Amino acid sequence: MDIELLYFDGCPNWQLARDRLAEALAATGNAGTPIRLRRIETPEAAERAAFAGSPTIRIDGIDPFGPTEGVGLTCRVYRTADGPGGAPSTAELIDVLRRVEGRQG
């Protein structure tokens, strides 16, 4: 499983997303899976990366919380069970990881 977390330095939620993703990986028996951090620094880099806002999580190259509209150096808002949030919940990430494992198995 290839996991990438895209973010920009001014984002207040990318570290929360990283921590929740690590918790979800541990909960699904994938604690050793690396999370590649990819900092997006310019609007041009955001365009090239199809960066949907910070934080964006991609698993095997796919954004499991997409599709989104637009790209750029913006904060991303996720729809969570508790309302809009700056990062997916750990439970939502666990669900995503289990779906990905089901496709791979």
N, C-alpha and C. Protein backbone atom coordinates (compact mmCIF):
# COMPACT_ATOMS: atom_id res chain seq x y z
N MET A 1 0.85 -1.17 0.00
CA MET A 1 0.00 0.00 0.00
C MET A 1 0.90 1.23 0.00
N ASP A 2 0.69 2.12 -0.96
CA ASP A 2 1.46 3.35 -1.08
C ASP A 2 0.61 4.49 -0.55
N ILE A 3 1.07 5.13 0.54
CA ILE A 3 0.28 6.20 1.17
C ILE A 3 1.07 7.50 1.11
N GLU A 4 0.40 8.52 0.61
CA GLU A 4 1.01 9.83 0.47
C GLU A 4 0.11 10.87 1.12
N LEU A 5 0.71 11.76 1.88
CA LEU A 5 -0.01 12.87 2.51
C LEU A 5 0.54 14.17 1.94
N LEU A 6 -0.30 14.87 1.19
CA LEU A 6 0.10 16.14 0.58
C LEU A 6 -0.39 17.27 1.48
N TYR A 7 0.44 18.31 1.62
CA TYR A 7 0.10 19.42 2.52
C TYR A 7 0.88 20.66 2.12
N PHE A 8 0.52 21.79 2.72
CA PHE A 8 1.36 22.98 2.61
C PHE A 8 1.67 23.45 4.03
N ASP A 9 2.78 24.16 4.18
CA ASP A 9 3.28 24.52 5.51
C ASP A 9 2.28 25.28 6.37
N GLY A 10 1.45 26.12 5.81
CA GLY A 10 0.53 26.90 6.61
C GLY A 10 -0.72 26.16 7.05
N CYS A 11 -0.85 24.90 6.66
CA CYS A 11 -2.05 24.13 6.98
C CYS A 11 -2.08 23.75 8.46
N PRO A 12 -3.17 24.08 9.16
CA PRO A 12 -3.24 23.72 10.58
C PRO A 12 -3.66 22.27 10.82
N ASN A 13 -3.99 21.51 9.77
CA ASN A 13 -4.56 20.17 9.97
C ASN A 13 -3.73 19.01 9.44
N TRP A 14 -2.62 19.27 8.75
CA TRP A 14 -1.91 18.16 8.13
C TRP A 14 -1.31 17.21 9.16
N GLN A 15 -0.84 17.74 10.29
CA GLN A 15 -0.26 16.86 11.32
C GLN A 15 -1.35 16.01 11.99
N LEU A 16 -2.53 16.58 12.17
CA LEU A 16 -3.66 15.82 12.70
C LEU A 16 -4.00 14.68 11.75
N ALA A 17 -4.03 14.98 10.45
CA ALA A 17 -4.32 13.94 9.46
C ALA A 17 -3.25 12.85 9.50
N ARG A 18 -1.98 13.25 9.62
CA ARG A 18 -0.89 12.28 9.70
C ARG A 18 -1.04 11.38 10.94
N ASP A 19 -1.35 11.98 12.07
CA ASP A 19 -1.51 11.21 13.31
C ASP A 19 -2.69 10.25 13.23
N ARG A 20 -3.81 10.72 12.70
CA ARG A 20 -4.99 9.86 12.56
C ARG A 20 -4.73 8.74 11.56
N LEU A 21 -4.01 9.03 10.51
CA LEU A 21 -3.67 8.01 9.52
C LEU A 21 -2.76 6.95 10.15
N ALA A 22 -1.81 7.37 10.96
CA ALA A 22 -0.94 6.41 11.67
C ALA A 22 -1.76 5.53 12.61
N GLU A 23 -2.73 6.12 13.32
CA GLU A 23 -3.61 5.35 14.21
C GLU A 23 -4.42 4.34 13.41
N ALA A 24 -4.94 4.76 12.27
CA ALA A 24 -5.75 3.88 11.43
C ALA A 24 -4.90 2.74 10.87
N LEU A 25 -3.68 3.04 10.48
CA LEU A 25 -2.79 1.98 9.98
C LEU A 25 -2.51 0.97 11.08
N ALA A 26 -2.26 1.43 12.29
CA ALA A 26 -2.01 0.52 13.40
C ALA A 26 -3.25 -0.33 13.70
N ALA A 27 -4.42 0.29 13.65
CA ALA A 27 -5.67 -0.42 13.95
C ALA A 27 -6.01 -1.49 12.92
N THR A 28 -5.48 -1.34 11.71
CA THR A 28 -5.77 -2.31 10.65
C THR A 28 -4.60 -3.28 10.44
N GLY A 29 -3.63 -3.27 11.35
CA GLY A 29 -2.50 -4.19 11.23
C GLY A 29 -1.46 -3.76 10.22
N ASN A 30 -1.44 -2.49 9.89
CA ASN A 30 -0.51 -1.96 8.90
C ASN A 30 0.43 -0.91 9.48
N ALA A 31 0.78 -1.08 10.76
CA ALA A 31 1.58 -0.06 11.45
C ALA A 31 2.92 0.22 10.78
N GLY A 32 3.49 -0.73 10.08
CA GLY A 32 4.78 -0.53 9.44
C GLY A 32 4.72 0.18 8.10
N THR A 33 3.53 0.47 7.63
CA THR A 33 3.38 1.11 6.32
C THR A 33 3.83 2.57 6.41
N PRO A 34 4.78 2.97 5.58
CA PRO A 34 5.24 4.37 5.64
C PRO A 34 4.20 5.32 5.07
N ILE A 35 4.19 6.52 5.63
CA ILE A 35 3.36 7.61 5.12
C ILE A 35 4.34 8.61 4.50
N ARG A 36 4.28 8.74 3.19
CA ARG A 36 5.17 9.69 2.50
C ARG A 36 4.55 11.07 2.60
N LEU A 37 5.31 12.01 3.14
CA LEU A 37 4.86 13.38 3.24
C LEU A 37 5.34 14.15 2.01
N ARG A 38 4.43 14.89 1.40
CA ARG A 38 4.78 15.65 0.20
C ARG A 38 4.30 17.08 0.39
N ARG A 39 5.25 17.97 0.59
CA ARG A 39 4.93 19.38 0.79
C ARG A 39 4.73 20.05 -0.58
N ILE A 40 3.63 20.76 -0.71
CA ILE A 40 3.32 21.52 -1.92
C ILE A 40 3.60 22.98 -1.59
N GLU A 41 4.49 23.60 -2.37
CA GLU A 41 4.98 24.92 -2.00
C GLU A 41 4.48 26.08 -2.85
N THR A 42 4.03 25.80 -4.08
CA THR A 42 3.63 26.89 -4.97
C THR A 42 2.31 26.55 -5.66
N PRO A 43 1.62 27.58 -6.15
CA PRO A 43 0.41 27.31 -6.92
C PRO A 43 0.69 26.43 -8.14
N GLU A 44 1.85 26.60 -8.75
CA GLU A 44 2.20 25.78 -9.91
C GLU A 44 2.38 24.32 -9.51
N ALA A 45 3.02 24.10 -8.38
CA ALA A 45 3.19 22.73 -7.89
C ALA A 45 1.83 22.12 -7.55
N ALA A 46 0.92 22.94 -7.02
CA ALA A 46 -0.43 22.46 -6.70
C ALA A 46 -1.15 22.01 -7.98
N GLU A 47 -1.00 22.78 -9.04
CA GLU A 47 -1.60 22.41 -10.32
C GLU A 47 -1.02 21.10 -10.83
N ARG A 48 0.31 20.99 -10.82
CA ARG A 48 0.97 19.77 -11.33
C ARG A 48 0.56 18.53 -10.55
N ALA A 49 0.37 18.69 -9.24
CA ALA A 49 0.03 17.56 -8.38
C ALA A 49 -1.47 17.31 -8.28
N ALA A 50 -2.27 18.16 -8.95
CA ALA A 50 -3.74 18.10 -8.80
C ALA A 50 -4.10 18.09 -7.31
N PHE A 51 -3.49 19.02 -6.59
CA PHE A 51 -3.59 19.15 -5.13
C PHE A 51 -4.94 19.74 -4.76
N ALA A 52 -5.76 18.92 -4.12
CA ALA A 52 -7.13 19.32 -3.78
C ALA A 52 -7.24 20.07 -2.46
N GLY A 53 -6.13 20.52 -1.93
CA GLY A 53 -6.13 21.23 -0.66
C GLY A 53 -5.46 20.41 0.42
N SER A 54 -5.12 21.10 1.49
CA SER A 54 -4.34 20.48 2.56
C SER A 54 -5.21 20.19 3.77
N PRO A 55 -5.09 18.98 4.26
CA PRO A 55 -4.28 17.84 3.82
C PRO A 55 -5.04 16.98 2.80
N THR A 56 -4.31 16.41 1.86
CA THR A 56 -4.88 15.44 0.92
C THR A 56 -4.17 14.11 1.13
N ILE A 57 -4.94 13.06 1.25
CA ILE A 57 -4.40 11.71 1.43
C ILE A 57 -4.64 10.94 0.15
N ARG A 58 -3.60 10.29 -0.34
CA ARG A 58 -3.74 9.41 -1.50
C ARG A 58 -3.24 8.02 -1.12
N ILE A 59 -4.02 7.03 -1.47
CA ILE A 59 -3.65 5.65 -1.23
C ILE A 59 -3.57 4.97 -2.58
N ASP A 60 -2.40 4.45 -2.88
CA ASP A 60 -2.14 3.86 -4.20
C ASP A 60 -2.52 4.83 -5.31
N GLY A 61 -2.22 6.12 -5.09
CA GLY A 61 -2.45 7.15 -6.09
C GLY A 61 -3.86 7.67 -6.17
N ILE A 62 -4.76 7.17 -5.34
CA ILE A 62 -6.18 7.56 -5.41
C ILE A 62 -6.57 8.32 -4.14
N ASP A 63 -7.31 9.40 -4.33
CA ASP A 63 -7.85 10.17 -3.21
C ASP A 63 -9.16 9.51 -2.79
N PRO A 64 -9.19 8.78 -1.67
CA PRO A 64 -10.41 8.08 -1.28
C PRO A 64 -11.53 9.00 -0.82
N PHE A 65 -11.23 10.28 -0.66
CA PHE A 65 -12.25 11.24 -0.21
C PHE A 65 -12.64 12.20 -1.34
N GLY A 66 -12.21 11.89 -2.54
CA GLY A 66 -12.52 12.72 -3.71
C GLY A 66 -13.80 12.22 -4.36
N PRO A 67 -14.18 12.78 -5.46
CA PRO A 67 -13.49 13.88 -6.12
C PRO A 67 -13.79 15.22 -5.46
N THR A 68 -12.93 16.17 -5.72
CA THR A 68 -13.11 17.52 -5.20
C THR A 68 -13.11 18.49 -6.37
N GLU A 69 -13.50 19.70 -6.09
CA GLU A 69 -13.49 20.73 -7.13
C GLU A 69 -12.30 21.65 -6.90
N GLY A 70 -11.55 21.88 -7.94
CA GLY A 70 -10.46 22.84 -7.88
C GLY A 70 -9.21 22.30 -7.22
N VAL A 71 -8.13 23.02 -7.47
CA VAL A 71 -6.84 22.70 -6.86
C VAL A 71 -6.22 24.00 -6.37
N GLY A 72 -5.28 23.88 -5.46
CA GLY A 72 -4.58 25.08 -5.00
C GLY A 72 -4.11 24.97 -3.57
N LEU A 73 -3.43 26.01 -3.14
CA LEU A 73 -2.91 26.07 -1.77
C LEU A 73 -4.01 26.56 -0.84
N THR A 74 -4.95 25.68 -0.56
CA THR A 74 -6.09 25.99 0.30
C THR A 74 -6.22 24.91 1.36
N CYS A 75 -6.96 25.23 2.40
CA CYS A 75 -7.28 24.22 3.40
C CYS A 75 -8.44 23.38 2.87
N ARG A 76 -8.34 22.10 3.07
CA ARG A 76 -9.38 21.19 2.62
C ARG A 76 -10.36 20.92 3.76
N VAL A 77 -11.63 20.82 3.43
CA VAL A 77 -12.65 20.51 4.42
C VAL A 77 -13.22 19.14 4.08
N TYR A 78 -13.27 18.28 5.08
CA TYR A 78 -13.81 16.93 4.93
C TYR A 78 -15.18 16.85 5.57
N ARG A 79 -16.06 16.07 4.95
CA ARG A 79 -17.36 15.77 5.57
C ARG A 79 -17.14 14.60 6.50
N THR A 80 -17.34 14.83 7.78
CA THR A 80 -17.17 13.76 8.77
C THR A 80 -18.50 13.51 9.47
N ALA A 81 -18.56 12.44 10.24
CA ALA A 81 -19.77 12.11 10.99
C ALA A 81 -20.13 13.22 11.98
N ASP A 82 -19.13 13.99 12.41
CA ASP A 82 -19.35 15.09 13.35
C ASP A 82 -19.51 16.44 12.68
N GLY A 83 -19.64 16.44 11.35
CA GLY A 83 -19.75 17.69 10.61
C GLY A 83 -18.44 18.00 9.89
N PRO A 84 -18.33 19.19 9.30
CA PRO A 84 -17.12 19.55 8.56
C PRO A 84 -15.89 19.50 9.46
N GLY A 85 -14.80 18.98 8.91
CA GLY A 85 -13.56 18.89 9.67
C GLY A 85 -12.35 19.11 8.78
N GLY A 86 -11.24 19.42 9.41
CA GLY A 86 -10.01 19.67 8.68
C GLY A 86 -9.25 18.42 8.30
N ALA A 87 -9.70 17.27 8.79
CA ALA A 87 -9.07 15.98 8.47
C ALA A 87 -10.12 14.89 8.66
N PRO A 88 -9.97 13.79 7.93
CA PRO A 88 -10.89 12.66 8.16
C PRO A 88 -10.69 12.11 9.58
N SER A 89 -11.74 11.53 10.13
CA SER A 89 -11.62 10.91 11.45
C SER A 89 -10.83 9.60 11.34
N THR A 90 -10.33 9.14 12.45
CA THR A 90 -9.61 7.87 12.47
C THR A 90 -10.52 6.74 12.00
N ALA A 91 -11.78 6.75 12.43
CA ALA A 91 -12.73 5.70 12.02
C ALA A 91 -12.94 5.71 10.51
N GLU A 92 -13.04 6.90 9.92
CA GLU A 92 -13.21 6.98 8.47
C GLU A 92 -11.97 6.48 7.73
N LEU A 93 -10.81 6.76 8.28
CA LEU A 93 -9.57 6.27 7.67
C LEU A 93 -9.46 4.75 7.79
N ILE A 94 -9.89 4.21 8.92
CA ILE A 94 -9.91 2.74 9.08
C ILE A 94 -10.80 2.12 8.02
N ASP A 95 -11.98 2.69 7.82
CA ASP A 95 -12.91 2.18 6.79
C ASP A 95 -12.26 2.20 5.41
N VAL A 96 -11.59 3.30 5.08
CA VAL A 96 -10.93 3.44 3.78
C VAL A 96 -9.84 2.38 3.63
N LEU A 97 -9.02 2.21 4.66
CA LEU A 97 -7.93 1.23 4.59
C LEU A 97 -8.47 -0.19 4.43
N ARG A 98 -9.55 -0.50 5.10
CA ARG A 98 -10.14 -1.84 4.96
C ARG A 98 -10.69 -2.06 3.55
N ARG A 99 -11.28 -1.03 2.97
CA ARG A 99 -11.77 -1.15 1.58
C ARG A 99 -10.60 -1.37 0.63
N VAL A 100 -9.51 -0.65 0.83
CA VAL A 100 -8.33 -0.82 -0.03
C VAL A 100 -7.76 -2.22 0.14
N GLU A 101 -7.68 -2.70 1.35
CA GLU A 101 -7.18 -4.07 1.59
C GLU A 101 -8.07 -5.10 0.91
N GLY A 102 -9.38 -4.87 0.92
CA GLY A 102 -10.31 -5.79 0.27
C GLY A 102 -10.11 -5.87 -1.22
N ARG A 103 -9.75 -4.74 -1.82
CA ARG A 103 -9.47 -4.72 -3.27
C ARG A 103 -8.16 -5.41 -3.60
N GLN A 104 -7.20 -5.33 -2.67
CA GLN A 104 -5.89 -5.93 -2.90
C GLN A 104 -5.88 -7.43 -2.64
N GLY A 105 -6.73 -7.87 -1.72
CA GLY A 105 -6.72 -9.27 -1.31
C GLY A 105 -7.46 -10.12 -2.23
